[in-house]
Amino acid sequence: MIVHSLSEDRPASPSVTETIVDAVSEAEDCDPLTLPPLWNVIDPEALDALFEPTRGGQPRAGRVSFAYVGYEITVDVTTETTVTVSIEPVA
């Protein structure tokens, strides 16, 4: 399992979708541009929007999992400042 955490309070933090693509390319030892488009399995804009703060600035908690390039991807938001992206090979 590979786990990437990013802090939402850092303005330069990559998006959730960028973190997913980076994690999978690291696991596959390949350039991110050689991976199939993420939008083949999930809408990247919707995924990023799912974990953006509410209009009132409140954080959103939640979890979503999906398969991508032979990995089970899980995005887990449990605190106000941390998003955890974990990938595990699909058995």
PDB file of N, CA and C in Angstrom:
ATOM      1  N   MET A   1       0.848  -1.174   0.000  1.00  0.00           N
ATOM      2  CA  MET A   1       0.000   0.000   0.000  1.00  0.00           C
ATOM      3  C   MET A   1       0.892   1.234   0.000  1.00  0.00           C
ATOM      4  N   ILE A   2       0.535   2.195  -0.806  1.00  0.00           N
ATOM      5  CA  ILE A   2       1.215   3.484  -0.832  1.00  0.00           C
ATOM      6  C   ILE A   2       0.220   4.508  -0.313  1.00  0.00           C
ATOM      7  N   VAL A   3       0.663   5.340   0.605  1.00  0.00           N
ATOM      8  CA  VAL A   3      -0.205   6.369   1.169  1.00  0.00           C
ATOM      9  C   VAL A   3       0.436   7.724   0.928  1.00  0.00           C
ATOM     10  N   HIS A   4      -0.324   8.637   0.380  1.00  0.00           N
ATOM     11  CA  HIS A   4       0.111  10.012   0.183  1.00  0.00           C
ATOM     12  C   HIS A   4      -0.829  10.897   0.976  1.00  0.00           C
ATOM     13  N   SER A   5      -0.271  11.772   1.779  1.00  0.00           N
ATOM     14  CA  SER A   5      -1.096  12.735   2.508  1.00  0.00           C
ATOM     15  C   SER A   5      -0.791  14.117   1.979  1.00  0.00           C
ATOM     16  N   LEU A   6      -1.801  14.946   1.911  1.00  0.00           N
ATOM     17  CA  LEU A   6      -1.572  16.328   1.538  1.00  0.00           C
ATOM     18  C   LEU A   6      -2.366  17.205   2.469  1.00  0.00           C
ATOM     19  N   SER A   7      -1.798  18.344   2.765  1.00  0.00           N
ATOM     20  CA  SER A   7      -2.415  19.265   3.701  1.00  0.00           C
ATOM     21  C   SER A   7      -3.213  20.294   2.925  1.00  0.00           C
ATOM     22  N   GLU A   8      -4.477  20.390   3.219  1.00  0.00           N
ATOM     23  CA  GLU A   8      -5.340  21.327   2.514  1.00  0.00           C
ATOM     24  C   GLU A   8      -5.082  22.780   2.923  1.00  0.00           C
ATOM     25  N   ASP A   9      -4.320  22.994   3.988  1.00  0.00           N
ATOM     26  CA  ASP A   9      -4.078  24.376   4.395  1.00  0.00           C
ATOM     27  C   ASP A   9      -2.848  24.958   3.713  1.00  0.00           C
ATOM     28  N   ARG A  10      -2.187  24.179   2.888  1.00  0.00           N
ATOM     29  CA  ARG A  10      -1.049  24.689   2.125  1.00  0.00           C
ATOM     30  C   ARG A  10      -1.544  25.104   0.753  1.00  0.00           C
ATOM     31  N   PRO A  11      -1.346  26.359   0.376  1.00  0.00           N
ATOM     32  CA  PRO A  11      -1.869  26.813  -0.913  1.00  0.00           C
ATOM     33  C   PRO A  11      -1.247  26.099  -2.104  1.00  0.00           C
ATOM     34  N   ALA A  12      -0.040  25.590  -1.960  1.00  0.00           N
ATOM     35  CA  ALA A  12       0.639  24.940  -3.081  1.00  0.00           C
ATOM     36  C   ALA A  12       0.369  23.439  -3.135  1.00  0.00           C
ATOM     37  N   SER A  13      -0.520  22.922  -2.289  1.00  0.00           N
ATOM     38  CA  SER A  13      -0.813  21.488  -2.284  1.00  0.00           C
ATOM     39  C   SER A  13      -1.384  21.066  -3.628  1.00  0.00           C
ATOM     40  N   PRO A  14      -0.976  19.887  -4.099  1.00  0.00           N
ATOM     41  CA  PRO A  14      -1.580  19.392  -5.342  1.00  0.00           C
ATOM     42  C   PRO A  14      -3.032  18.999  -5.100  1.00  0.00           C
ATOM     43  N   SER A  15      -3.790  18.928  -6.166  1.00  0.00           N
ATOM     44  CA  SER A  15      -5.186  18.506  -6.036  1.00  0.00           C
ATOM     45  C   SER A  15      -5.245  17.022  -5.701  1.00  0.00           C
ATOM     46  N   VAL A  16      -6.423  16.565  -5.317  1.00  0.00           N
ATOM     47  CA  VAL A  16      -6.624  15.144  -5.030  1.00  0.00           C
ATOM     48  C   VAL A  16      -6.295  14.324  -6.273  1.00  0.00           C
ATOM     49  N   THR A  17      -6.780  14.762  -7.434  1.00  0.00           N
ATOM     50  CA  THR A  17      -6.532  13.996  -8.654  1.00  0.00           C
ATOM     51  C   THR A  17      -5.053  13.991  -9.025  1.00  0.00           C
ATOM     52  N   GLU A  18      -4.350  15.098  -8.840  1.00  0.00           N
ATOM     53  CA  GLU A  18      -2.905  15.119  -9.104  1.00  0.00           C
ATOM     54  C   GLU A  18      -2.179  14.158  -8.174  1.00  0.00           C
ATOM     55  N   THR A  19      -2.600  14.110  -6.929  1.00  0.00           N
ATOM     56  CA  THR A  19      -1.982  13.204  -5.962  1.00  0.00           C
ATOM     57  C   THR A  19      -2.208  11.751  -6.363  1.00  0.00           C
ATOM     58  N   ILE A  20      -3.405  11.427  -6.841  1.00  0.00           N
ATOM     59  CA  ILE A  20      -3.701  10.059  -7.280  1.00  0.00           C
ATOM     60  C   ILE A  20      -2.808   9.667  -8.454  1.00  0.00           C
ATOM     61  N   VAL A  21      -2.744  10.510  -9.458  1.00  0.00           N
ATOM     62  CA  VAL A  21      -1.934  10.202 -10.639  1.00  0.00           C
ATOM     63  C   VAL A  21      -0.463  10.079 -10.257  1.00  0.00           C
ATOM     64  N   ASP A  22       0.029  10.957  -9.396  1.00  0.00           N
ATOM     65  CA  ASP A  22       1.422  10.875  -8.944  1.00  0.00           C
ATOM     66  C   ASP A  22       1.684   9.578  -8.187  1.00  0.00           C
ATOM     67  N   ALA A  23       0.753   9.180  -7.319  1.00  0.00           N
ATOM     68  CA  ALA A  23       0.932   7.953  -6.533  1.00  0.00           C
ATOM     69  C   ALA A  23       0.952   6.720  -7.430  1.00  0.00           C
ATOM     70  N   VAL A  24       0.053   6.666  -8.405  1.00  0.00           N
ATOM     71  CA  VAL A  24       0.010   5.514  -9.312  1.00  0.00           C
ATOM     72  C   VAL A  24       1.250   5.489 -10.200  1.00  0.00           C
ATOM     73  N   SER A  25       1.675   6.638 -10.694  1.00  0.00           N
ATOM     74  CA  SER A  25       2.879   6.650 -11.538  1.00  0.00           C
ATOM     75  C   SER A  25       4.104   6.240 -10.734  1.00  0.00           C
ATOM     76  N   GLU A  26       4.140   6.601  -9.455  1.00  0.00           N
ATOM     77  CA  GLU A  26       5.237   6.165  -8.584  1.00  0.00           C
ATOM     78  C   GLU A  26       5.197   4.646  -8.402  1.00  0.00           C
ATOM     79  N   ALA A  27       4.013   4.103  -8.166  1.00  0.00           N
ATOM     80  CA  ALA A  27       3.868   2.656  -7.981  1.00  0.00           C
ATOM     81  C   ALA A  27       4.212   1.894  -9.257  1.00  0.00           C
ATOM     82  N   GLU A  28       3.863   2.459 -10.398  1.00  0.00           N
ATOM     83  CA  GLU A  28       4.125   1.820 -11.689  1.00  0.00           C
ATOM     84  C   GLU A  28       5.514   2.151 -12.228  1.00  0.00           C
ATOM     85  N   ASP A  29       6.203   3.081 -11.562  1.00  0.00           N
ATOM     86  CA  ASP A  29       7.524   3.539 -12.002  1.00  0.00           C
ATOM     87  C   ASP A  29       7.464   4.020 -13.456  1.00  0.00           C
ATOM     88  N   CYS A  30       6.529   4.944 -13.698  1.00  0.00           N
ATOM     89  CA  CYS A  30       6.366   5.476 -15.047  1.00  0.00           C
ATOM     90  C   CYS A  30       6.057   6.968 -14.978  1.00  0.00           C
ATOM     91  N   ASP A  31       6.132   7.613 -16.115  1.00  0.00           N
ATOM     92  CA  ASP A  31       5.778   9.022 -16.227  1.00  0.00           C
ATOM     93  C   ASP A  31       4.257   9.143 -16.107  1.00  0.00           C
ATOM     94  N   PRO A  32       3.756  10.102 -15.333  1.00  0.00           N
ATOM     95  CA  PRO A  32       2.303  10.257 -15.188  1.00  0.00           C
ATOM     96  C   PRO A  32       1.574  10.426 -16.524  1.00  0.00           C
ATOM     97  N   LEU A  33       2.241  11.010 -17.506  1.00  0.00           N
ATOM     98  CA  LEU A  33       1.601  11.237 -18.800  1.00  0.00           C
ATOM     99  C   LEU A  33       1.378   9.950 -19.590  1.00  0.00           C
ATOM    100  N   THR A  34       2.020   8.859 -19.185  1.00  0.00           N
ATOM    101  CA  THR A  34       1.836   7.587 -19.892  1.00  0.00           C
ATOM    102  C   THR A  34       0.662   6.779 -19.334  1.00  0.00           C
ATOM    103  N   LEU A  35       0.089   7.214 -18.225  1.00  0.00           N
ATOM    104  CA  LEU A  35      -1.063   6.515 -17.644  1.00  0.00           C
ATOM    105  C   LEU A  35      -2.331   6.826 -18.433  1.00  0.00           C
ATOM    106  N   PRO A  36      -3.287   5.905 -18.443  1.00  0.00           N
ATOM    107  CA  PRO A  36      -4.576   6.219 -19.077  1.00  0.00           C
ATOM    108  C   PRO A  36      -5.232   7.398 -18.348  1.00  0.00           C
ATOM    109  N   PRO A  37      -6.033   8.172 -19.053  1.00  0.00           N
ATOM    110  CA  PRO A  37      -6.682   9.314 -18.407  1.00  0.00           C
ATOM    111  C   PRO A  37      -7.544   8.873 -17.223  1.00  0.00           C
ATOM    112  N   LEU A  38      -7.442   9.613 -16.134  1.00  0.00           N
ATOM    113  CA  LEU A  38      -8.231   9.320 -14.945  1.00  0.00           C
ATOM    114  C   LEU A  38      -9.723   9.429 -15.245  1.00  0.00           C
ATOM    115  N   TRP A  39     -10.087  10.329 -16.151  1.00  0.00           N
ATOM    116  CA  TRP A  39     -11.502  10.523 -16.457  1.00  0.00           C
ATOM    117  C   TRP A  39     -12.138   9.305 -17.122  1.00  0.00           C
ATOM    118  N   ASN A  40     -11.336   8.309 -17.505  1.00  0.00           N
ATOM    119  CA  ASN A  40     -11.916   7.063 -18.017  1.00  0.00           C
ATOM    120  C   ASN A  40     -12.674   6.306 -16.925  1.00  0.00           C
ATOM    121  N   VAL A  41     -12.340   6.583 -15.651  1.00  0.00           N
ATOM    122  CA  VAL A  41     -12.973   5.852 -14.546  1.00  0.00           C
ATOM    123  C   VAL A  41     -13.721   6.744 -13.561  1.00  0.00           C
ATOM    124  N   ILE A  42     -13.375   8.027 -13.508  1.00  0.00           N
ATOM    125  CA  ILE A  42     -14.040   8.941 -12.570  1.00  0.00           C
ATOM    126  C   ILE A  42     -13.870  10.371 -13.086  1.00  0.00           C
ATOM    127  N   ASP A  43     -14.818  11.223 -12.800  1.00  0.00           N
ATOM    128  CA  ASP A  43     -14.745  12.623 -13.217  1.00  0.00           C
ATOM    129  C   ASP A  43     -13.781  13.357 -12.280  1.00  0.00           C
ATOM    130  N   PRO A  44     -12.588  13.746 -12.772  1.00  0.00           N
ATOM    131  CA  PRO A  44     -11.603  14.392 -11.901  1.00  0.00           C
ATOM    132  C   PRO A  44     -12.100  15.689 -11.261  1.00  0.00           C
ATOM    133  N   GLU A  45     -12.846  16.494 -12.016  1.00  0.00           N
ATOM    134  CA  GLU A  45     -13.353  17.750 -11.451  1.00  0.00           C
ATOM    135  C   GLU A  45     -14.338  17.477 -10.323  1.00  0.00           C
ATOM    136  N   ALA A  46     -15.194  16.488 -10.514  1.00  0.00           N
ATOM    137  CA  ALA A  46     -16.160  16.137  -9.467  1.00  0.00           C
ATOM    138  C   ALA A  46     -15.443  15.579  -8.242  1.00  0.00           C
ATOM    139  N   LEU A  47     -14.406  14.775  -8.465  1.00  0.00           N
ATOM    140  CA  LEU A  47     -13.647  14.213  -7.348  1.00  0.00           C
ATOM    141  C   LEU A  47     -12.982  15.318  -6.537  1.00  0.00           C
ATOM    142  N   ASP A  48     -12.331  16.265  -7.215  1.00  0.00           N
ATOM    143  CA  ASP A  48     -11.708  17.382  -6.496  1.00  0.00           C
ATOM    144  C   ASP A  48     -12.760  18.210  -5.764  1.00  0.00           C
ATOM    145  N   ALA A  49     -13.891  18.469  -6.423  1.00  0.00           N
ATOM    146  CA  ALA A  49     -14.951  19.281  -5.813  1.00  0.00           C
ATOM    147  C   ALA A  49     -15.568  18.595  -4.603  1.00  0.00           C
ATOM    148  N   LEU A  50     -15.603  17.273  -4.622  1.00  0.00           N
ATOM    149  CA  LEU A  50     -16.190  16.516  -3.519  1.00  0.00           C
ATOM    150  C   LEU A  50     -15.518  16.834  -2.187  1.00  0.00           C
ATOM    151  N   PHE A  51     -14.212  17.110  -2.231  1.00  0.00           N
ATOM    152  CA  PHE A  51     -13.468  17.333  -0.993  1.00  0.00           C
ATOM    153  C   PHE A  51     -13.046  18.787  -0.784  1.00  0.00           C
ATOM    154  N   GLU A  52     -13.555  19.689  -1.606  1.00  0.00           N
ATOM    155  CA  GLU A  52     -13.293  21.106  -1.379  1.00  0.00           C
ATOM    156  C   GLU A  52     -14.133  21.577  -0.199  1.00  0.00           C
ATOM    157  N   PRO A  53     -13.689  22.634   0.491  1.00  0.00           N
ATOM    158  CA  PRO A  53     -14.497  23.174   1.592  1.00  0.00           C
ATOM    159  C   PRO A  53     -15.864  23.641   1.085  1.00  0.00           C
ATOM    160  N   THR A  54     -16.825  23.683   1.989  1.00  0.00           N
ATOM    161  CA  THR A  54     -18.155  24.176   1.642  1.00  0.00           C
ATOM    162  C   THR A  54     -18.080  25.669   1.344  1.00  0.00           C
ATOM    163  N   ARG A  55     -19.167  26.229   0.849  1.00  0.00           N
ATOM    164  CA  ARG A  55     -19.188  27.672   0.575  1.00  0.00           C
ATOM    165  C   ARG A  55     -18.909  28.480   1.830  1.00  0.00           C
ATOM    166  N   GLY A  56     -19.284  27.937   2.980  1.00  0.00           N
ATOM    167  CA  GLY A  56     -19.030  28.611   4.249  1.00  0.00           C
ATOM    168  C   GLY A  56     -17.618  28.396   4.765  1.00  0.00           C
ATOM    169  N   GLY A  57     -16.804  27.674   3.992  1.00  0.00           N
ATOM    170  CA  GLY A  57     -15.417  27.448   4.384  1.00  0.00           C
ATOM    171  C   GLY A  57     -15.198  26.240   5.280  1.00  0.00           C
ATOM    172  N   GLN A  58     -16.264  25.509   5.580  1.00  0.00           N
ATOM    173  CA  GLN A  58     -16.134  24.336   6.443  1.00  0.00           C
ATOM    174  C   GLN A  58     -15.562  23.160   5.651  1.00  0.00           C
ATOM    175  N   PRO A  59     -14.689  22.374   6.281  1.00  0.00           N
ATOM    176  CA  PRO A  59     -14.133  21.212   5.582  1.00  0.00           C
ATOM    177  C   PRO A  59     -15.192  20.133   5.384  1.00  0.00           C
ATOM    178  N   ARG A  60     -14.995  19.330   4.374  1.00  0.00           N
ATOM    179  CA  ARG A  60     -15.885  18.196   4.114  1.00  0.00           C
ATOM    180  C   ARG A  60     -15.131  16.923   4.443  1.00  0.00           C
ATOM    181  N   ALA A  61     -15.762  16.043   5.158  1.00  0.00           N
ATOM    182  CA  ALA A  61     -15.166  14.740   5.453  1.00  0.00           C
ATOM    183  C   ALA A  61     -15.849  13.703   4.575  1.00  0.00           C
ATOM    184  N   GLY A  62     -15.131  12.646   4.279  1.00  0.00           N
ATOM    185  CA  GLY A  62     -15.727  11.578   3.496  1.00  0.00           C
ATOM    186  C   GLY A  62     -14.681  10.627   2.958  1.00  0.00           C
ATOM    187  N   ARG A  63     -15.175   9.651   2.225  1.00  0.00           N
ATOM    188  CA  ARG A  63     -14.296   8.633   1.655  1.00  0.00           C
ATOM    189  C   ARG A  63     -14.894   8.179   0.330  1.00  0.00           C
ATOM    190  N   VAL A  64     -14.025   7.965  -0.635  1.00  0.00           N
ATOM    191  CA  VAL A  64     -14.446   7.410  -1.918  1.00  0.00           C
ATOM    192  C   VAL A  64     -13.365   6.438  -2.382  1.00  0.00           C
ATOM    193  N   SER A  65     -13.794   5.325  -2.959  1.00  0.00           N
ATOM    194  CA  SER A  65     -12.867   4.323  -3.490  1.00  0.00           C
ATOM    195  C   SER A  65     -13.278   3.963  -4.907  1.00  0.00           C
ATOM    196  N   PHE A  66     -12.281   3.671  -5.735  1.00  0.00           N
ATOM    197  CA  PHE A  66     -12.537   3.253  -7.110  1.00  0.00           C
ATOM    198  C   PHE A  66     -11.290   2.555  -7.640  1.00  0.00           C
ATOM    199  N   ALA A  67     -11.461   1.805  -8.713  1.00  0.00           N
ATOM    200  CA  ALA A  67     -10.340   1.095  -9.335  1.00  0.00           C
ATOM    201  C   ALA A  67      -9.766   1.944 -10.467  1.00  0.00           C
ATOM    202  N   TYR A  68      -8.432   1.933 -10.571  1.00  0.00           N
ATOM    203  CA  TYR A  68      -7.744   2.669 -11.638  1.00  0.00           C
ATOM    204  C   TYR A  68      -6.424   1.978 -11.924  1.00  0.00           C
ATOM    205  N   VAL A  69      -6.211   1.562 -13.132  1.00  0.00           N
ATOM    206  CA  VAL A  69      -4.963   0.960 -13.621  1.00  0.00           C
ATOM    207  C   VAL A  69      -4.490  -0.189 -12.727  1.00  0.00           C
ATOM    208  N   GLY A  70      -5.412  -1.031 -12.314  1.00  0.00           N
ATOM    209  CA  GLY A  70      -5.042  -2.192 -11.513  1.00  0.00           C
ATOM    210  C   GLY A  70      -4.841  -1.911 -10.036  1.00  0.00           C
ATOM    211  N   TYR A  71      -5.259  -0.746  -9.567  1.00  0.00           N
ATOM    212  CA  TYR A  71      -5.132  -0.372  -8.159  1.00  0.00           C
ATOM    213  C   TYR A  71      -6.490   0.019  -7.604  1.00  0.00           C
ATOM    214  N   GLU A  72      -6.687  -0.261  -6.336  1.00  0.00           N
ATOM    215  CA  GLU A  72      -7.848   0.242  -5.600  1.00  0.00           C
ATOM    216  C   GLU A  72      -7.407   1.564  -4.987  1.00  0.00           C
ATOM    217  N   ILE A  73      -8.021   2.640  -5.410  1.00  0.00           N
ATOM    218  CA  ILE A  73      -7.690   3.985  -4.947  1.00  0.00           C
ATOM    219  C   ILE A  73      -8.701   4.358  -3.873  1.00  0.00           C
ATOM    220  N   THR A  74      -8.222   4.836  -2.729  1.00  0.00           N
ATOM    221  CA  THR A  74      -9.109   5.307  -1.671  1.00  0.00           C
ATOM    222  C   THR A  74      -8.685   6.714  -1.281  1.00  0.00           C
ATOM    223  N   VAL A  75      -9.631   7.630  -1.334  1.00  0.00           N
ATOM    224  CA  VAL A  75      -9.413   9.004  -0.880  1.00  0.00           C
ATOM    225  C   VAL A  75     -10.199   9.136   0.410  1.00  0.00           C
ATOM    226  N   ASP A  76      -9.501   9.501   1.488  1.00  0.00           N
ATOM    227  CA  ASP A  76     -10.116   9.560   2.811  1.00  0.00           C
ATOM    228  C   ASP A  76      -9.829  10.919   3.432  1.00  0.00           C
ATOM    229  N   VAL A  77     -10.872  11.636   3.776  1.00  0.00           N
ATOM    230  CA  VAL A  77     -10.738  12.932   4.432  1.00  0.00           C
ATOM    231  C   VAL A  77     -11.382  12.797   5.802  1.00  0.00           C
ATOM    232  N   THR A  78     -10.544  12.840   6.848  1.00  0.00           N
ATOM    233  CA  THR A  78     -11.063  12.633   8.200  1.00  0.00           C
ATOM    234  C   THR A  78     -10.798  13.810   9.121  1.00  0.00           C
ATOM    235  N   THR A  79      -9.941  14.728   8.715  1.00  0.00           N
ATOM    236  CA  THR A  79      -9.659  15.893   9.549  1.00  0.00           C
ATOM    237  C   THR A  79      -9.855  17.156   8.726  1.00  0.00           C
ATOM    238  N   GLU A  80      -9.727  18.270   9.369  1.00  0.00           N
ATOM    239  CA  GLU A  80      -9.921  19.538   8.677  1.00  0.00           C
ATOM    240  C   GLU A  80      -8.802  19.875   7.710  1.00  0.00           C
ATOM    241  N   THR A  81      -7.622  19.282   7.872  1.00  0.00           N
ATOM    242  CA  THR A  81      -6.492  19.701   7.049  1.00  0.00           C
ATOM    243  C   THR A  81      -5.808  18.580   6.286  1.00  0.00           C
ATOM    244  N   THR A  82      -6.248  17.352   6.422  1.00  0.00           N
ATOM    245  CA  THR A  82      -5.518  16.253   5.800  1.00  0.00           C
ATOM    246  C   THR A  82      -6.399  15.426   4.875  1.00  0.00           C
ATOM    247  N   VAL A  83      -5.879  15.201   3.689  1.00  0.00           N
ATOM    248  CA  VAL A  83      -6.491  14.299   2.724  1.00  0.00           C
ATOM    249  C   VAL A  83      -5.506  13.162   2.533  1.00  0.00           C
ATOM    250  N   THR A  84      -5.957  11.922   2.697  1.00  0.00           N
ATOM    251  CA  THR A  84      -5.087  10.770   2.514  1.00  0.00           C
ATOM    252  C   THR A  84      -5.535  10.010   1.274  1.00  0.00           C
ATOM    253  N   VAL A  85      -4.580   9.764   0.386  1.00  0.00           N
ATOM    254  CA  VAL A  85      -4.834   8.980  -0.816  1.00  0.00           C
ATOM    255  C   VAL A  85      -4.022   7.708  -0.690  1.00  0.00           C
ATOM    256  N   SER A  86      -4.680   6.556  -0.677  1.00  0.00           N
ATOM    257  CA  SER A  86      -3.951   5.289  -0.602  1.00  0.00           C
ATOM    258  C   SER A  86      -4.273   4.457  -1.834  1.00  0.00           C
ATOM    259  N   ILE A  87      -3.262   3.718  -2.287  1.00  0.00           N
ATOM    260  CA  ILE A  87      -3.462   2.837  -3.428  1.00  0.00           C
ATOM    261  C   ILE A  87      -2.980   1.447  -3.055  1.00  0.00           C
ATOM    262  N   GLU A  88      -3.727   0.456  -3.486  1.00  0.00           N
ATOM    263  CA  GLU A  88      -3.378  -0.936  -3.237  1.00  0.00           C
ATOM    264  C   GLU A  88      -3.610  -1.717  -4.515  1.00  0.00           C
ATOM    265  N   PRO A  89      -2.674  -2.598  -4.886  1.00  0.00           N
ATOM    266  CA  PRO A  89      -2.910  -3.405  -6.087  1.00  0.00           C
ATOM    267  C   PRO A  89      -4.184  -4.233  -5.930  1.00  0.00           C
ATOM    268  N   VAL A  90      -4.950  -4.322  -7.004  1.00  0.00           N
ATOM    269  CA  VAL A  90      -6.153  -5.146  -6.998  1.00  0.00           C
ATOM    270  C   VAL A  90      -5.710  -6.592  -7.142  1.00  0.00           C
ATOM    271  N   ALA A  91      -6.215  -7.438  -6.263  1.00  0.00           N
ATOM    272  CA  ALA A  91      -5.803  -8.853  -6.286  1.00  0.00           C
ATOM    273  C   ALA A  91      -6.466  -9.611  -7.391  1.00  0.00           C
TER     274      ALA A  91
END
